[in-house]
Amino acid sequence: MFYEWQNGHLLLRIKVQANASKDEFCDAMGQQLKVRISAPPVDGKANQYLIKFLAKQLRVSKSQVELVSGETSREKRFKIFGLSCVPAVLKEKDNVKKRR
């Protein structure tokens, strides 16, 4: 599973594909969720763009999305504050993996 609860916060494991043609959540890949974003991986722009994308998709503010690890890697971990349950958009991606 690509997400877990840790001390009341949602922890996401994400594999990022920068410079994609569109922004989207893809399928779960083992213990990670693949996410495509259109921002280039230059000077931290992709990280900031990914934070903005996650905040919009999960319906939280950007300040509630924290990059925990993977600043210069494609494999990243994010902590999401202020959620009481896993958002439907993430549950849907987890269910895709289980149906196969």
Protein backbone atom coordinates (compact mmCIF):
# COMPACT_ATOMS: atom_id res chain seq x y z
CA MET A 1 0.00 0.00 0.00
CA PHE A 2 1.37 3.44 -0.93
CA TYR A 3 -0.18 5.26 2.05
CA GLU A 4 -0.30 4.80 5.79
CA TRP A 5 -1.33 6.71 8.89
CA GLN A 6 1.49 7.95 11.10
CA ASN A 7 0.71 9.87 14.31
CA GLY A 8 -2.63 11.03 12.91
CA HIS A 9 -1.15 12.22 9.59
CA LEU A 10 -1.34 10.57 6.18
CA LEU A 11 2.04 9.48 4.79
CA LEU A 12 2.25 9.00 1.00
CA ARG A 13 4.99 7.21 -0.95
CA ILE A 14 5.16 8.62 -4.47
CA LYS A 15 7.23 7.96 -7.57
CA VAL A 16 7.26 11.10 -9.72
CA GLN A 17 7.54 11.41 -13.48
CA ALA A 18 8.36 15.04 -14.26
CA ASN A 19 8.02 16.69 -17.70
CA ALA A 20 4.90 14.64 -18.42
CA SER A 21 2.28 15.79 -20.91
CA LYS A 22 -0.34 16.14 -18.17
CA ASP A 23 -0.72 16.05 -14.40
CA GLU A 24 -2.31 12.87 -13.06
CA PHE A 25 -2.30 10.10 -10.50
CA CYS A 26 -1.40 6.81 -12.16
CA ASP A 27 -1.64 3.31 -10.75
CA ALA A 28 0.01 2.05 -7.61
CA MET A 29 3.39 0.45 -8.28
CA GLY A 30 4.13 -1.85 -5.36
CA GLN A 31 4.55 0.38 -2.32
CA GLN A 32 4.37 3.65 -4.31
CA LEU A 33 1.84 5.67 -6.25
CA LYS A 34 3.06 6.89 -9.61
CA VAL A 35 2.30 10.55 -10.25
CA ARG A 36 2.93 12.40 -13.50
CA ILE A 37 3.44 16.16 -13.46
CA SER A 38 4.21 18.59 -16.25
CA ALA A 39 6.79 20.64 -14.31
CA PRO A 40 10.48 20.18 -15.13
CA PRO A 41 12.78 18.70 -12.46
CA VAL A 42 14.88 21.88 -12.24
CA ASP A 43 15.76 23.94 -9.13
CA GLY A 44 13.05 22.34 -6.98
CA LYS A 45 10.27 23.46 -9.32
CA ALA A 46 8.91 19.94 -9.66
CA ASN A 47 8.71 19.56 -5.86
CA GLN A 48 6.80 22.81 -5.45
CA TYR A 49 4.52 21.93 -8.34
CA LEU A 50 3.90 18.47 -6.88
CA ILE A 51 2.98 19.99 -3.51
CA LYS A 52 0.50 22.27 -5.26
CA PHE A 53 -0.91 19.33 -7.27
CA LEU A 54 -1.29 17.12 -4.18
CA ALA A 55 -2.94 19.92 -2.20
CA LYS A 56 -5.48 20.51 -4.96
CA GLN A 57 -6.25 16.82 -5.48
CA LEU A 58 -6.54 16.07 -1.76
CA ARG A 59 -8.45 19.29 -1.05
CA VAL A 60 -6.07 20.66 1.55
CA SER A 61 -3.92 23.80 1.62
CA LYS A 62 -0.33 23.73 0.38
CA SER A 63 0.85 24.28 3.97
CA GLN A 64 -0.73 20.92 4.90
CA VAL A 65 1.52 19.05 2.44
CA GLU A 66 5.08 18.45 3.63
CA LEU A 67 7.90 16.80 1.67
CA VAL A 68 9.44 14.40 4.19
CA SER A 69 12.12 12.79 2.04
CA GLY A 70 13.32 12.50 -1.54
CA GLU A 71 13.97 16.15 -2.38
CA THR A 72 16.33 15.25 -5.25
CA SER A 73 14.96 11.77 -5.96
CA ARG A 74 12.03 10.54 -8.06
CA GLU A 75 10.90 8.55 -5.03
CA LYS A 76 9.39 10.86 -2.45
CA ARG A 77 7.48 10.72 0.82
CA PHE A 78 4.90 13.32 1.74
CA LYS A 79 3.09 13.93 5.01
CA ILE A 80 -0.44 15.29 4.69
CA PHE A 81 -1.86 17.12 7.72
CA GLY A 82 -5.48 17.71 8.61
CA LEU A 83 -7.18 14.68 7.08
CA SER A 84 -9.47 12.40 9.05
CA CYS A 85 -9.76 9.71 6.36
CA VAL A 86 -8.06 8.65 3.13
CA PRO A 87 -9.40 10.76 0.24
CA ALA A 88 -11.46 8.90 -2.37
CA VAL A 89 -9.00 9.74 -5.15
CA LEU A 90 -6.32 7.74 -3.29
CA LYS A 91 -8.60 4.86 -2.29
CA GLU A 92 -9.56 4.52 -5.94
CA LYS A 93 -5.92 4.04 -6.97
CA ASP A 94 -5.39 1.48 -4.23
CA ASN A 95 -8.50 -0.45 -5.33
CA VAL A 96 -7.26 -0.59 -8.94
CA LYS A 97 -4.24 -2.57 -7.74
CA LYS A 98 -6.37 -4.97 -5.67
CA ARG A 99 -8.79 -5.79 -8.53
CA ARG A 100 -6.01 -7.10 -10.77
